[in-house]
Amino acid sequence: MLADRMGDGWPEQALRHAVPVSGFVEAAGAVLAAQRTSGVSDAEAAAYLRGLAAGHAQRSAAVRIESVWSGPSSHPVPVRATAQVLVDLVAEARAELLLMTYSATRYAPLLAALTAAVDRGVTVTVVTETLAGARGALTGAEPASAFAEVPGAQLWHWPVEQRAEERAKMHAKIAVADRRVLLVSSANLTQSGVNRNVEAGLLIRGGTAPQRAAEHIAELQSRGVLARFPSTSQGR
């Protein structure tokens, strides 16, 4: 977008506001300042930006997949631990973070990472099963209560009245960072799930899978299939 506008000869003030997203004004300003310092023409700067965009798109399209495991390690076989991968994924998010889990209990390293993410401006959304939805398969506190101490976290669930089948469960266990990185795992967001149990998953970087997962969750939210917990009783 910026390259096209520069190539068309738009004035600097209009270029700074060409895309109405957070951070664009600052990013465009830095590019325009560098252009002035280097003395390149609008056409040259536009060509350079298009090259950068093409390279970024090519790298983003590349898919990298790693296996992720909880439980006992096998030292001769290099696999990544679920606990560390989950915390690292949260730590690298800069705009949006989505988590889904069937069961959840308080796990301090994850809560600390989520709180830090909120502090740096990341929108954190967590979808959990409910005691009512689990129909006796879960006991104790609501799974969502595990995230109650994360300020600003948006807690969602699948209302039982939205389920076509009585025995249907909210059983997905995924994490998505910035629609670029996706963790799909058998592990619930519990101490046992991420550390003690034998659980397996895949960490996917690039490609369409992370974006499609985020888009699917957003569509379920917009259609009312998923619902927010009331702000006065989130997770209680």
Protein backbone atom coordinates (compact mmCIF):
# COMPACT_ATOMS: atom_id res chain seq x y z
CA MET A 1 0.00 0.00 0.00
CA LEU A 2 2.71 2.51 0.98
CA ALA A 3 4.80 1.61 -2.08
CA ASP A 4 1.81 2.11 -4.39
CA ARG A 5 0.98 5.49 -2.86
CA MET A 6 4.60 6.64 -3.07
CA GLY A 7 4.77 5.56 -6.69
CA ASP A 8 1.61 7.58 -7.37
CA GLY A 9 3.19 10.69 -5.87
CA TRP A 10 1.01 11.11 -2.79
CA PRO A 11 2.07 13.92 -0.40
CA GLU A 12 3.91 12.93 2.77
CA GLN A 13 1.06 13.64 5.18
CA ALA A 14 -1.32 11.47 3.15
CA LEU A 15 1.27 8.69 2.99
CA ARG A 16 1.58 8.63 6.78
CA HIS A 17 -2.14 7.91 7.07
CA ALA A 18 -2.55 5.64 4.04
CA VAL A 19 -3.37 2.58 6.15
CA PRO A 20 -5.63 3.00 9.23
CA VAL A 21 -3.94 0.48 11.51
CA SER A 22 -2.11 0.93 14.79
CA GLY A 23 1.58 1.75 14.35
CA PHE A 24 1.40 2.56 10.64
CA VAL A 25 1.91 6.31 11.08
CA GLU A 26 5.16 5.71 12.97
CA ALA A 27 6.38 3.05 10.53
CA ALA A 28 5.59 5.19 7.49
CA GLY A 29 7.28 8.17 9.11
CA ALA A 30 10.48 6.17 9.61
CA VAL A 31 10.45 5.06 5.96
CA LEU A 32 9.88 8.61 4.71
CA ALA A 33 12.64 9.96 6.95
CA ALA A 34 15.06 7.36 5.60
CA GLN A 35 14.04 8.29 2.05
CA ARG A 36 14.81 11.96 2.69
CA THR A 37 18.16 11.13 4.26
CA SER A 38 19.23 8.88 1.39
CA GLY A 39 17.90 11.21 -1.30
CA VAL A 40 16.24 8.47 -3.36
CA SER A 41 13.24 9.30 -5.54
CA ASP A 42 9.68 8.20 -4.84
CA ALA A 43 9.89 5.67 -7.68
CA GLU A 44 13.10 4.14 -6.31
CA ALA A 45 11.75 4.00 -2.76
CA ALA A 46 8.54 2.38 -3.99
CA ALA A 47 10.49 -0.27 -5.90
CA TYR A 48 12.58 -1.02 -2.81
CA LEU A 49 9.48 -1.39 -0.62
CA ARG A 50 7.85 -3.72 -3.15
CA GLY A 51 10.94 -5.90 -3.07
CA LEU A 52 10.86 -6.04 0.72
CA ALA A 53 7.16 -6.91 0.67
CA ALA A 54 7.70 -9.69 -1.86
CA GLY A 55 10.52 -11.15 0.22
CA HIS A 56 8.43 -11.01 3.38
CA ALA A 57 5.50 -12.70 1.63
CA GLN A 58 7.76 -15.47 0.37
CA ARG A 59 9.21 -16.09 3.83
CA SER A 60 5.75 -16.02 5.42
CA ALA A 61 4.48 -18.62 2.96
CA ALA A 62 7.22 -21.05 3.98
CA VAL A 63 5.96 -23.58 6.52
CA ARG A 64 8.07 -24.93 9.35
CA ILE A 65 6.70 -27.72 11.57
CA GLU A 66 8.20 -29.03 14.81
CA SER A 67 7.04 -31.84 17.08
CA VAL A 68 6.25 -30.88 20.67
CA TRP A 69 5.95 -33.27 23.60
CA SER A 70 5.04 -33.28 27.29
CA GLY A 71 6.22 -35.90 29.76
CA PRO A 72 9.42 -37.95 29.82
CA SER A 73 12.17 -36.87 27.43
CA SER A 74 14.29 -39.11 25.23
CA HIS A 75 17.70 -37.45 25.10
CA PRO A 76 18.85 -39.04 21.81
CA VAL A 77 15.76 -37.64 20.04
CA PRO A 78 15.57 -33.82 19.85
CA VAL A 79 11.96 -32.79 20.56
CA ARG A 80 10.70 -29.60 22.16
CA ALA A 81 8.88 -29.48 25.50
CA THR A 82 5.27 -28.31 25.53
CA ALA A 83 5.77 -26.09 28.58
CA GLN A 84 8.62 -24.13 27.00
CA VAL A 85 7.03 -23.92 23.55
CA LEU A 86 3.80 -22.56 25.02
CA VAL A 87 5.55 -19.85 27.05
CA ASP A 88 7.76 -18.94 24.08
CA LEU A 89 4.74 -18.66 21.78
CA VAL A 90 3.02 -16.30 24.20
CA ALA A 91 6.20 -14.27 24.61
CA GLU A 92 6.59 -13.66 20.87
CA ALA A 93 3.02 -12.41 20.33
CA ARG A 94 2.86 -8.69 19.56
CA ALA A 95 -0.78 -8.07 18.63
CA GLU A 96 -3.08 -11.06 19.13
CA LEU A 97 -3.00 -14.25 21.15
CA LEU A 98 -5.67 -16.97 21.07
CA LEU A 99 -5.82 -19.97 23.41
CA MET A 100 -8.32 -22.84 23.48
CA THR A 101 -8.39 -25.61 26.07
CA TYR A 102 -10.79 -28.17 27.49
CA SER A 103 -9.44 -28.18 31.03
CA ALA A 104 -7.32 -25.53 32.73
CA THR A 105 -5.70 -25.01 36.10
CA ARG A 106 -3.40 -22.31 37.37
CA TYR A 107 0.05 -22.66 35.76
CA ALA A 108 2.31 -19.86 36.97
CA PRO A 109 4.76 -19.65 34.01
CA LEU A 110 1.89 -19.34 31.53
CA LEU A 111 0.05 -16.76 33.63
CA ALA A 112 3.22 -14.67 33.94
CA ALA A 113 3.74 -14.81 30.16
CA LEU A 114 0.10 -13.88 29.49
CA THR A 115 0.26 -10.94 31.91
CA ALA A 116 3.42 -9.68 30.21
CA ALA A 117 1.69 -10.01 26.84
CA VAL A 118 -1.25 -7.89 28.01
CA ASP A 119 1.20 -5.31 29.38
CA ARG A 120 2.78 -4.89 25.94
CA GLY A 121 -0.61 -4.40 24.28
CA VAL A 122 -1.44 -7.91 23.08
CA THR A 123 -5.13 -8.83 22.89
CA VAL A 124 -5.45 -12.12 24.79
CA THR A 125 -8.46 -14.36 24.13
CA VAL A 126 -9.00 -17.65 25.97
CA VAL A 127 -11.74 -20.17 25.13
CA THR A 128 -12.42 -22.92 27.66
CA GLU A 129 -14.89 -25.67 28.36
CA THR A 130 -17.34 -25.09 31.23
CA LEU A 131 -18.44 -27.36 34.04
CA ALA A 132 -21.94 -27.35 32.58
CA GLY A 133 -20.64 -28.23 29.13
CA ALA A 134 -18.44 -31.02 30.48
CA ARG A 135 -21.51 -32.60 32.13
CA GLY A 136 -19.66 -34.03 35.10
CA ALA A 137 -16.41 -34.90 33.32
CA LEU A 138 -14.73 -31.88 34.95
CA THR A 139 -14.90 -31.03 38.65
CA GLY A 140 -13.72 -28.20 40.86
CA ALA A 141 -13.49 -24.60 39.70
CA GLU A 142 -14.49 -23.44 36.23
CA PRO A 143 -11.57 -23.93 33.80
CA ALA A 144 -11.72 -20.22 32.90
CA SER A 145 -10.93 -19.29 36.52
CA ALA A 146 -7.35 -20.38 35.86
CA PHE A 147 -6.93 -17.15 33.86
CA ALA A 148 -8.86 -14.81 36.18
CA GLU A 149 -5.69 -13.08 37.39
CA VAL A 150 -4.59 -12.09 33.87
CA PRO A 151 -5.74 -8.46 33.56
CA GLY A 152 -7.69 -7.74 30.40
CA ALA A 153 -7.86 -11.34 29.20
CA GLN A 154 -11.07 -12.00 27.26
CA LEU A 155 -12.63 -15.27 28.42
CA TRP A 156 -15.00 -17.15 26.11
CA HIS A 157 -16.93 -20.42 26.17
CA TRP A 158 -19.27 -22.56 24.07
CA PRO A 159 -22.73 -22.21 25.64
CA VAL A 160 -24.53 -25.51 26.07
CA GLU A 161 -27.58 -24.12 24.28
CA GLN A 162 -25.43 -23.61 21.17
CA ARG A 163 -24.47 -27.30 21.00
CA ALA A 164 -26.40 -29.42 18.54
CA GLU A 165 -25.51 -32.61 20.41
CA GLU A 166 -25.93 -33.05 24.15
CA ARG A 167 -22.58 -34.80 24.52
CA ALA A 168 -20.59 -32.30 22.41
CA LYS A 169 -17.54 -30.84 24.17
CA MET A 170 -15.25 -27.83 23.69
CA HIS A 171 -12.24 -30.13 23.37
CA ALA A 172 -9.77 -28.14 21.21
CA LYS A 173 -6.30 -27.41 22.58
CA ILE A 174 -4.53 -24.78 20.49
CA ALA A 175 -2.58 -21.54 20.78
CA VAL A 176 -2.20 -18.97 17.99
CA ALA A 177 0.17 -15.99 18.05
CA ASP A 178 -0.39 -13.09 15.63
CA ARG A 179 -1.99 -15.48 13.11
CA ARG A 180 1.54 -16.62 12.20
CA VAL A 181 2.32 -19.37 14.71
CA LEU A 182 0.00 -22.23 15.69
CA LEU A 183 0.44 -24.85 18.40
CA VAL A 184 -1.94 -27.82 18.16
CA SER A 185 -1.59 -30.26 21.04
CA SER A 186 -3.32 -33.00 22.99
CA ALA A 187 -2.25 -31.16 26.16
CA ASN A 188 -4.72 -29.19 28.25
CA LEU A 189 -3.48 -25.97 29.82
CA THR A 190 -2.80 -27.60 33.16
CA GLN A 191 0.38 -28.46 35.07
CA SER A 192 -0.20 -32.11 34.20
CA GLY A 193 -0.93 -31.39 30.55
CA VAL A 194 2.10 -29.26 29.79
CA ASN A 195 4.60 -31.06 32.03
CA ARG A 196 3.71 -34.46 33.49
CA ASN A 197 1.46 -36.34 31.08
CA VAL A 198 2.68 -37.85 27.83
CA GLU A 199 1.13 -35.41 25.35
CA ALA A 200 2.00 -34.67 21.73
CA GLY A 201 1.52 -31.75 19.39
CA LEU A 202 2.83 -29.78 16.44
CA LEU A 203 4.15 -26.21 16.28
CA ILE A 204 3.42 -24.68 12.87
CA ARG A 205 5.09 -21.51 11.66
CA GLY A 206 4.02 -19.87 8.42
CA GLY A 207 1.56 -21.04 5.82
CA THR A 208 -2.19 -20.61 6.09
CA ALA A 209 -2.94 -22.85 9.09
CA PRO A 210 -2.31 -20.26 11.85
CA GLN A 211 -4.37 -17.61 10.08
CA ARG A 212 -7.21 -20.01 9.28
CA ALA A 213 -7.38 -21.14 12.90
CA ALA A 214 -7.65 -17.54 14.10
CA GLU A 215 -10.24 -16.73 11.44
CA HIS A 216 -12.32 -19.77 12.39
CA ILE A 217 -12.38 -18.74 16.05
CA ALA A 218 -13.31 -15.17 15.08
CA GLU A 219 -16.16 -16.46 12.92
CA LEU A 220 -17.50 -18.63 15.74
CA GLN A 221 -17.42 -15.57 17.98
CA SER A 222 -19.16 -13.30 15.48
CA ARG A 223 -21.92 -15.87 14.86
CA GLY A 224 -22.58 -16.28 18.58
CA VAL A 225 -21.45 -19.90 18.66
CA LEU A 226 -18.86 -18.81 21.22
CA ALA A 227 -19.87 -16.33 23.92
CA ARG A 228 -18.04 -14.09 26.38
CA PHE A 229 -18.24 -14.88 30.05
CA PRO A 230 -20.09 -12.03 31.80
CA SER A 231 -17.49 -9.52 33.01
CA THR A 232 -18.74 -9.80 36.57
CA SER A 233 -18.41 -13.58 36.68
CA GLN A 234 -15.63 -14.53 34.30
CA GLY A 235 -14.46 -17.99 35.20
CA ARG A 236 -16.31 -18.05 38.53
